[in-house]
Amino acid sequence: MARVTVTPEAASQFAALPRPIQTRIVQLFDRLRQWPRASGVKPLRGSLSGRYRLRTGDYRVRFRVVGDEVRIEKIGHRDQFYGD
């Protein structure tokens, strides 16, 4: 099992989400604890190469894997998600 950590930036993004979306995001965190057997994960390309994303509806979670740690870097709506 992997350890899931959340960066301070991602934690503030999470706190700004509506409560029902927060519940769905927490379910994604639980799924990521099963890394590398987590389902629905897609690798990102280009400047985000080496990172992955997982989605629930219109919301995305961007993360990278460092050893046995899954580090959540960004959480947000798909409209603003891929800008950086």
PDB file of N, CA and C in Angstrom:
ATOM      1  N   MET A   1       0.830  -1.192   0.000  1.00  0.00           N
ATOM      2  CA  MET A   1       0.000   0.000   0.000  1.00  0.00           C
ATOM      3  C   MET A   1       0.871   1.250   0.000  1.00  0.00           C
ATOM      4  N   ALA A   2       0.424   2.239  -0.721  1.00  0.00           N
ATOM      5  CA  ALA A   2       1.139   3.507  -0.796  1.00  0.00           C
ATOM      6  C   ALA A   2       0.605   4.470   0.262  1.00  0.00           C
ATOM      7  N   ARG A   3       1.460   5.404   0.619  1.00  0.00           N
ATOM      8  CA  ARG A   3       1.068   6.469   1.543  1.00  0.00           C
ATOM      9  C   ARG A   3       0.669   7.667   0.692  1.00  0.00           C
ATOM     10  N   VAL A   4      -0.509   8.218   0.932  1.00  0.00           N
ATOM     11  CA  VAL A   4      -1.011   9.363   0.182  1.00  0.00           C
ATOM     12  C   VAL A   4      -0.793  10.620   1.010  1.00  0.00           C
ATOM     13  N   THR A   5      -0.067  11.600   0.439  1.00  0.00           N
ATOM     14  CA  THR A   5       0.134  12.889   1.094  1.00  0.00           C
ATOM     15  C   THR A   5      -0.409  13.990   0.199  1.00  0.00           C
ATOM     16  N   VAL A   6      -0.785  15.096   0.810  1.00  0.00           N
ATOM     17  CA  VAL A   6      -1.385  16.215   0.093  1.00  0.00           C
ATOM     18  C   VAL A   6      -0.539  17.451   0.332  1.00  0.00           C
ATOM     19  N   THR A   7      -0.142  18.133  -0.743  1.00  0.00           N
ATOM     20  CA  THR A   7       0.625  19.364  -0.597  1.00  0.00           C
ATOM     21  C   THR A   7      -0.278  20.448  -0.004  1.00  0.00           C
ATOM     22  N   PRO A   8       0.308  21.480   0.605  1.00  0.00           N
ATOM     23  CA  PRO A   8      -0.513  22.571   1.160  1.00  0.00           C
ATOM     24  C   PRO A   8      -1.403  23.240   0.110  1.00  0.00           C
ATOM     25  N   GLU A   9      -0.887  23.411  -1.113  1.00  0.00           N
ATOM     26  CA  GLU A   9      -1.693  24.010  -2.180  1.00  0.00           C
ATOM     27  C   GLU A   9      -2.910  23.147  -2.501  1.00  0.00           C
ATOM     28  N   ALA A  10      -2.700  21.841  -2.617  1.00  0.00           N
ATOM     29  CA  ALA A  10      -3.807  20.930  -2.912  1.00  0.00           C
ATOM     30  C   ALA A  10      -4.789  20.874  -1.751  1.00  0.00           C
ATOM     31  N   ALA A  11      -4.295  20.984  -0.520  1.00  0.00           N
ATOM     32  CA  ALA A  11      -5.187  20.977   0.648  1.00  0.00           C
ATOM     33  C   ALA A  11      -6.111  22.188   0.625  1.00  0.00           C
ATOM     34  N   SER A  12      -5.596  23.355   0.242  1.00  0.00           N
ATOM     35  CA  SER A  12      -6.454  24.543   0.176  1.00  0.00           C
ATOM     36  C   SER A  12      -7.441  24.431  -0.986  1.00  0.00           C
ATOM     37  N   GLN A  13      -7.026  23.825  -2.094  1.00  0.00           N
ATOM     38  CA  GLN A  13      -7.942  23.597  -3.213  1.00  0.00           C
ATOM     39  C   GLN A  13      -9.053  22.640  -2.797  1.00  0.00           C
ATOM     40  N   PHE A  14      -8.693  21.608  -2.038  1.00  0.00           N
ATOM     41  CA  PHE A  14      -9.671  20.645  -1.545  1.00  0.00           C
ATOM     42  C   PHE A  14     -10.682  21.333  -0.638  1.00  0.00           C
ATOM     43  N   ALA A  15     -10.208  22.193   0.266  1.00  0.00           N
ATOM     44  CA  ALA A  15     -11.084  22.871   1.223  1.00  0.00           C
ATOM     45  C   ALA A  15     -12.088  23.783   0.527  1.00  0.00           C
ATOM     46  N   ALA A  16     -11.745  24.291  -0.651  1.00  0.00           N
ATOM     47  CA  ALA A  16     -12.626  25.206  -1.376  1.00  0.00           C
ATOM     48  C   ALA A  16     -13.719  24.482  -2.167  1.00  0.00           C
ATOM     49  N   LEU A  17     -13.639  23.169  -2.261  1.00  0.00           N
ATOM     50  CA  LEU A  17     -14.622  22.403  -3.034  1.00  0.00           C
ATOM     51  C   LEU A  17     -15.915  22.220  -2.251  1.00  0.00           C
ATOM     52  N   PRO A  18     -17.044  22.052  -2.967  1.00  0.00           N
ATOM     53  CA  PRO A  18     -18.304  21.733  -2.281  1.00  0.00           C
ATOM     54  C   PRO A  18     -18.194  20.387  -1.552  1.00  0.00           C
ATOM     55  N   ARG A  19     -18.903  20.231  -0.478  1.00  0.00           N
ATOM     56  CA  ARG A  19     -18.833  19.028   0.358  1.00  0.00           C
ATOM     57  C   ARG A  19     -19.055  17.730  -0.429  1.00  0.00           C
ATOM     58  N   PRO A  20     -20.049  17.643  -1.332  1.00  0.00           N
ATOM     59  CA  PRO A  20     -20.224  16.375  -2.071  1.00  0.00           C
ATOM     60  C   PRO A  20     -19.004  16.022  -2.935  1.00  0.00           C
ATOM     61  N   ILE A  21     -18.348  17.033  -3.498  1.00  0.00           N
ATOM     62  CA  ILE A  21     -17.160  16.784  -4.312  1.00  0.00           C
ATOM     63  C   ILE A  21     -16.011  16.348  -3.410  1.00  0.00           C
ATOM     64  N   GLN A  22     -15.896  16.940  -2.226  1.00  0.00           N
ATOM     65  CA  GLN A  22     -14.857  16.530  -1.276  1.00  0.00           C
ATOM     66  C   GLN A  22     -14.992  15.047  -0.948  1.00  0.00           C
ATOM     67  N   THR A  23     -16.208  14.586  -0.766  1.00  0.00           N
ATOM     68  CA  THR A  23     -16.443  13.167  -0.468  1.00  0.00           C
ATOM     69  C   THR A  23     -15.947  12.290  -1.610  1.00  0.00           C
ATOM     70  N   ARG A  24     -16.210  12.708  -2.837  1.00  0.00           N
ATOM     71  CA  ARG A  24     -15.757  11.931  -3.991  1.00  0.00           C
ATOM     72  C   ARG A  24     -14.238  11.946  -4.114  1.00  0.00           C
ATOM     73  N   ILE A  25     -13.620  13.085  -3.803  1.00  0.00           N
ATOM     74  CA  ILE A  25     -12.160  13.189  -3.873  1.00  0.00           C
ATOM     75  C   ILE A  25     -11.520  12.278  -2.823  1.00  0.00           C
ATOM     76  N   VAL A  26     -12.090  12.224  -1.633  1.00  0.00           N
ATOM     77  CA  VAL A  26     -11.566  11.338  -0.587  1.00  0.00           C
ATOM     78  C   VAL A  26     -11.617   9.885  -1.056  1.00  0.00           C
ATOM     79  N   GLN A  27     -12.643   9.518  -1.792  1.00  0.00           N
ATOM     80  CA  GLN A  27     -12.724   8.166  -2.350  1.00  0.00           C
ATOM     81  C   GLN A  27     -11.585   7.916  -3.336  1.00  0.00           C
ATOM     82  N   LEU A  28     -11.193   8.963  -4.089  1.00  0.00           N
ATOM     83  CA  LEU A  28     -10.047   8.813  -4.992  1.00  0.00           C
ATOM     84  C   LEU A  28      -8.764   8.597  -4.189  1.00  0.00           C
ATOM     85  N   PHE A  29      -8.616   9.325  -3.082  1.00  0.00           N
ATOM     86  CA  PHE A  29      -7.441   9.132  -2.224  1.00  0.00           C
ATOM     87  C   PHE A  29      -7.364   7.684  -1.752  1.00  0.00           C
ATOM     88  N   ASP A  30      -8.507   7.131  -1.361  1.00  0.00           N
ATOM     89  CA  ASP A  30      -8.545   5.732  -0.921  1.00  0.00           C
ATOM     90  C   ASP A  30      -8.111   4.804  -2.055  1.00  0.00           C
ATOM     91  N   ARG A  31      -8.547   5.113  -3.261  1.00  0.00           N
ATOM     92  CA  ARG A  31      -8.164   4.295  -4.415  1.00  0.00           C
ATOM     93  C   ARG A  31      -6.660   4.389  -4.670  1.00  0.00           C
ATOM     94  N   LEU A  32      -6.093   5.581  -4.473  1.00  0.00           N
ATOM     95  CA  LEU A  32      -4.661   5.770  -4.710  1.00  0.00           C
ATOM     96  C   LEU A  32      -3.798   5.043  -3.681  1.00  0.00           C
ATOM     97  N   ARG A  33      -4.347   4.706  -2.537  1.00  0.00           N
ATOM     98  CA  ARG A  33      -3.590   3.924  -1.551  1.00  0.00           C
ATOM     99  C   ARG A  33      -3.231   2.547  -2.105  1.00  0.00           C
ATOM    100  N   GLN A  34      -3.933   2.122  -3.144  1.00  0.00           N
ATOM    101  CA  GLN A  34      -3.683   0.818  -3.759  1.00  0.00           C
ATOM    102  C   GLN A  34      -2.632   0.896  -4.871  1.00  0.00           C
ATOM    103  N   TRP A  35      -1.937   2.029  -4.978  1.00  0.00           N
ATOM    104  CA  TRP A  35      -0.932   2.202  -6.035  1.00  0.00           C
ATOM    105  C   TRP A  35       0.059   1.055  -6.013  1.00  0.00           C
ATOM    106  N   PRO A  36       0.411   0.455  -7.104  1.00  0.00           N
ATOM    107  CA  PRO A  36       0.160   0.808  -8.501  1.00  0.00           C
ATOM    108  C   PRO A  36      -1.071   0.150  -9.105  1.00  0.00           C
ATOM    109  N   ARG A  37      -1.901  -0.471  -8.288  1.00  0.00           N
ATOM    110  CA  ARG A  37      -3.096  -1.147  -8.799  1.00  0.00           C
ATOM    111  C   ARG A  37      -4.324  -0.246  -8.817  1.00  0.00           C
ATOM    112  N   ALA A  38      -4.158   1.056  -8.642  1.00  0.00           N
ATOM    113  CA  ALA A  38      -5.280   1.997  -8.664  1.00  0.00           C
ATOM    114  C   ALA A  38      -5.863   2.062 -10.069  1.00  0.00           C
ATOM    115  N   SER A  39      -7.168   1.978 -10.170  1.00  0.00           N
ATOM    116  CA  SER A  39      -7.814   2.000 -11.481  1.00  0.00           C
ATOM    117  C   SER A  39      -8.139   3.420 -11.915  1.00  0.00           C
ATOM    118  N   GLY A  40      -8.164   3.644 -13.210  1.00  0.00           N
ATOM    119  CA  GLY A  40      -8.559   4.927 -13.768  1.00  0.00           C
ATOM    120  C   GLY A  40      -7.459   5.967 -13.848  1.00  0.00           C
ATOM    121  N   VAL A  41      -6.236   5.601 -13.521  1.00  0.00           N
ATOM    122  CA  VAL A  41      -5.119   6.547 -13.519  1.00  0.00           C
ATOM    123  C   VAL A  41      -4.593   6.712 -14.946  1.00  0.00           C
ATOM    124  N   LYS A  42      -4.337   7.964 -15.337  1.00  0.00           N
ATOM    125  CA  LYS A  42      -3.770   8.238 -16.654  1.00  0.00           C
ATOM    126  C   LYS A  42      -2.488   9.050 -16.492  1.00  0.00           C
ATOM    127  N   PRO A  43      -1.443   8.691 -17.223  1.00  0.00           N
ATOM    128  CA  PRO A  43      -0.218   9.504 -17.180  1.00  0.00           C
ATOM    129  C   PRO A  43      -0.415  10.788 -17.973  1.00  0.00           C
ATOM    130  N   LEU A  44       0.189  11.863 -17.513  1.00  0.00           N
ATOM    131  CA  LEU A  44       0.128  13.141 -18.214  1.00  0.00           C
ATOM    132  C   LEU A  44       1.337  13.268 -19.135  1.00  0.00           C
ATOM    133  N   ARG A  45       1.225  14.135 -20.124  1.00  0.00           N
ATOM    134  CA  ARG A  45       2.290  14.292 -21.115  1.00  0.00           C
ATOM    135  C   ARG A  45       2.778  15.730 -21.148  1.00  0.00           C
ATOM    136  N   GLY A  46       3.772  15.962 -21.977  1.00  0.00           N
ATOM    137  CA  GLY A  46       4.300  17.304 -22.172  1.00  0.00           C
ATOM    138  C   GLY A  46       5.011  17.815 -20.934  1.00  0.00           C
ATOM    139  N   SER A  47       4.715  19.060 -20.552  1.00  0.00           N
ATOM    140  CA  SER A  47       5.383  19.655 -19.393  1.00  0.00           C
ATOM    141  C   SER A  47       4.990  18.980 -18.084  1.00  0.00           C
ATOM    142  N   LEU A  48       3.917  18.204 -18.091  1.00  0.00           N
ATOM    143  CA  LEU A  48       3.467  17.492 -16.893  1.00  0.00           C
ATOM    144  C   LEU A  48       3.896  16.026 -16.900  1.00  0.00           C
ATOM    145  N   SER A  49       4.794  15.682 -17.781  1.00  0.00           N
ATOM    146  CA  SER A  49       5.291  14.317 -17.867  1.00  0.00           C
ATOM    147  C   SER A  49       5.848  13.868 -16.514  1.00  0.00           C
ATOM    148  N   GLY A  50       5.589  12.630 -16.156  1.00  0.00           N
ATOM    149  CA  GLY A  50       6.021  12.107 -14.870  1.00  0.00           C
ATOM    150  C   GLY A  50       4.953  12.236 -13.796  1.00  0.00           C
ATOM    151  N   ARG A  51       3.864  12.895 -14.152  1.00  0.00           N
ATOM    152  CA  ARG A  51       2.740  13.045 -13.229  1.00  0.00           C
ATOM    153  C   ARG A  51       1.545  12.279 -13.786  1.00  0.00           C
ATOM    154  N   TYR A  52       0.549  12.065 -12.941  1.00  0.00           N
ATOM    155  CA  TYR A  52      -0.638  11.310 -13.312  1.00  0.00           C
ATOM    156  C   TYR A  52      -1.872  12.090 -12.913  1.00  0.00           C
ATOM    157  N   ARG A  53      -3.008  11.666 -13.467  1.00  0.00           N
ATOM    158  CA  ARG A  53      -4.263  12.260 -13.045  1.00  0.00           C
ATOM    159  C   ARG A  53      -5.300  11.166 -12.854  1.00  0.00           C
ATOM    160  N   LEU A  54      -6.214  11.482 -11.959  1.00  0.00           N
ATOM    161  CA  LEU A  54      -7.346  10.616 -11.678  1.00  0.00           C
ATOM    162  C   LEU A  54      -8.566  11.518 -11.656  1.00  0.00           C
ATOM    163  N   ARG A  55      -9.665  11.068 -12.197  1.00  0.00           N
ATOM    164  CA  ARG A  55     -10.824  11.941 -12.285  1.00  0.00           C
ATOM    165  C   ARG A  55     -12.046  11.351 -11.601  1.00  0.00           C
ATOM    166  N   THR A  56     -12.931  12.248 -11.206  1.00  0.00           N
ATOM    167  CA  THR A  56     -14.254  11.892 -10.746  1.00  0.00           C
ATOM    168  C   THR A  56     -15.197  12.951 -11.296  1.00  0.00           C
ATOM    169  N   GLY A  57     -16.021  12.577 -12.249  1.00  0.00           N
ATOM    170  CA  GLY A  57     -16.889  13.550 -12.916  1.00  0.00           C
ATOM    171  C   GLY A  57     -16.057  14.612 -13.608  1.00  0.00           C
ATOM    172  N   ASP A  58     -16.328  15.885 -13.305  1.00  0.00           N
ATOM    173  CA  ASP A  58     -15.592  16.995 -13.916  1.00  0.00           C
ATOM    174  C   ASP A  58     -14.388  17.429 -13.092  1.00  0.00           C
ATOM    175  N   TYR A  59     -14.061  16.721 -12.036  1.00  0.00           N
ATOM    176  CA  TYR A  59     -12.955  17.100 -11.156  1.00  0.00           C
ATOM    177  C   TYR A  59     -11.774  16.162 -11.347  1.00  0.00           C
ATOM    178  N   ARG A  60     -10.578  16.725 -11.179  1.00  0.00           N
ATOM    179  CA  ARG A  60      -9.342  15.981 -11.403  1.00  0.00           C
ATOM    180  C   ARG A  60      -8.426  16.102 -10.198  1.00  0.00           C
ATOM    181  N   VAL A  61      -7.627  15.063  -9.992  1.00  0.00           N
ATOM    182  CA  VAL A  61      -6.578  15.058  -8.984  1.00  0.00           C
ATOM    183  C   VAL A  61      -5.277  14.765  -9.717  1.00  0.00           C
ATOM    184  N   ARG A  62      -4.293  15.670  -9.587  1.00  0.00           N
ATOM    185  CA  ARG A  62      -2.976  15.460 -10.200  1.00  0.00           C
ATOM    186  C   ARG A  62      -2.003  15.047  -9.111  1.00  0.00           C
ATOM    187  N   PHE A  63      -1.200  14.035  -9.423  1.00  0.00           N
ATOM    188  CA  PHE A  63      -0.261  13.539  -8.422  1.00  0.00           C
ATOM    189  C   PHE A  63       0.975  12.996  -9.098  1.00  0.00           C
ATOM    190  N   ARG A  64       1.986  12.773  -8.282  1.00  0.00           N
ATOM    191  CA  ARG A  64       3.174  12.072  -8.752  1.00  0.00           C
ATOM    192  C   ARG A  64       3.557  11.060  -7.694  1.00  0.00           C
ATOM    193  N   VAL A  65       4.315  10.077  -8.106  1.00  0.00           N
ATOM    194  CA  VAL A  65       4.708   8.990  -7.225  1.00  0.00           C
ATOM    195  C   VAL A  65       6.190   9.140  -6.916  1.00  0.00           C
ATOM    196  N   VAL A  66       6.507   9.160  -5.619  1.00  0.00           N
ATOM    197  CA  VAL A  66       7.892   9.259  -5.154  1.00  0.00           C
ATOM    198  C   VAL A  66       8.108   8.089  -4.194  1.00  0.00           C
ATOM    199  N   GLY A  67       8.784   7.059  -4.680  1.00  0.00           N
ATOM    200  CA  GLY A  67       8.977   5.854  -3.869  1.00  0.00           C
ATOM    201  C   GLY A  67       7.641   5.188  -3.581  1.00  0.00           C
ATOM    202  N   ASP A  68       7.308   5.037  -2.297  1.00  0.00           N
ATOM    203  CA  ASP A  68       6.017   4.450  -1.924  1.00  0.00           C
ATOM    204  C   ASP A  68       5.014   5.518  -1.509  1.00  0.00           C
ATOM    205  N   GLU A  69       5.280   6.758  -1.888  1.00  0.00           N
ATOM    206  CA  GLU A  69       4.400   7.881  -1.553  1.00  0.00           C
ATOM    207  C   GLU A  69       3.713   8.402  -2.812  1.00  0.00           C
ATOM    208  N   VAL A  70       2.403   8.582  -2.715  1.00  0.00           N
ATOM    209  CA  VAL A  70       1.630   9.237  -3.763  1.00  0.00           C
ATOM    210  C   VAL A  70       1.380  10.659  -3.273  1.00  0.00           C
ATOM    211  N   ARG A  71       1.980  11.624  -3.955  1.00  0.00           N
ATOM    212  CA  ARG A  71       1.927  13.026  -3.518  1.00  0.00           C
ATOM    213  C   ARG A  71       0.905  13.791  -4.357  1.00  0.00           C
ATOM    214  N   ILE A  72      -0.209  14.189  -3.739  1.00  0.00           N
ATOM    215  CA  ILE A  72      -1.257  14.949  -4.414  1.00  0.00           C
ATOM    216  C   ILE A  72      -0.773  16.387  -4.569  1.00  0.00           C
ATOM    217  N   GLU A  73      -0.733  16.872  -5.821  1.00  0.00           N
ATOM    218  CA  GLU A  73      -0.219  18.210  -6.101  1.00  0.00           C
ATOM    219  C   GLU A  73      -1.296  19.217  -6.444  1.00  0.00           C
ATOM    220  N   LYS A  74      -2.394  18.769  -7.053  1.00  0.00           N
ATOM    221  CA  LYS A  74      -3.419  19.711  -7.486  1.00  0.00           C
ATOM    222  C   LYS A  74      -4.764  19.020  -7.529  1.00  0.00           C
ATOM    223  N   ILE A  75      -5.808  19.752  -7.141  1.00  0.00           N
ATOM    224  CA  ILE A  75      -7.179  19.257  -7.184  1.00  0.00           C
ATOM    225  C   ILE A  75      -8.027  20.369  -7.775  1.00  0.00           C
ATOM    226  N   GLY A  76      -8.838  20.044  -8.778  1.00  0.00           N
ATOM    227  CA  GLY A  76      -9.672  21.100  -9.334  1.00  0.00           C
ATOM    228  C   GLY A  76     -10.601  20.639 -10.439  1.00  0.00           C
ATOM    229  N   HIS A  77     -11.420  21.589 -10.878  1.00  0.00           N
ATOM    230  CA  HIS A  77     -12.345  21.363 -11.985  1.00  0.00           C
ATOM    231  C   HIS A  77     -11.555  21.272 -13.290  1.00  0.00           C
ATOM    232  N   ARG A  78     -12.016  20.494 -14.196  1.00  0.00           N
ATOM    233  CA  ARG A  78     -11.283  20.260 -15.444  1.00  0.00           C
ATOM    234  C   ARG A  78     -11.047  21.531 -16.240  1.00  0.00           C
ATOM    235  N   ASP A  79     -11.897  22.555 -16.090  1.00  0.00           N
ATOM    236  CA  ASP A  79     -11.732  23.798 -16.844  1.00  0.00           C
ATOM    237  C   ASP A  79     -10.435  24.529 -16.500  1.00  0.00           C
ATOM    238  N   GLN A  80     -10.015  24.460 -15.244  1.00  0.00           N
ATOM    239  CA  GLN A  80      -8.798  25.161 -14.831  1.00  0.00           C
ATOM    240  C   GLN A  80      -7.644  24.209 -14.518  1.00  0.00           C
ATOM    241  N   PHE A  81      -7.811  22.955 -14.785  1.00  0.00           N
ATOM    242  CA  PHE A  81      -6.874  21.949 -14.278  1.00  0.00           C
ATOM    243  C   PHE A  81      -5.558  21.852 -15.038  1.00  0.00           C
ATOM    244  N   TYR A  82      -5.589  21.962 -16.347  1.00  0.00           N
ATOM    245  CA  TYR A  82      -4.413  21.644 -17.145  1.00  0.00           C
ATOM    246  C   TYR A  82      -3.564  22.846 -17.509  1.00  0.00           C
ATOM    247  N   GLY A  83      -3.823  24.015 -16.948  1.00  0.00           N
ATOM    248  CA  GLY A  83      -3.107  25.230 -17.318  1.00  0.00           C
ATOM    249  C   GLY A  83      -1.644  25.232 -16.955  1.00  0.00           C
ATOM    250  N   ASP A  84      -1.242  24.557 -15.878  1.00  0.00           N
ATOM    251  CA  ASP A  84       0.175  24.578 -15.469  1.00  0.00           C
ATOM    252  C   ASP A  84       0.714  23.199 -15.230  1.00  0.00           C
TER     253      ASP A  84
END
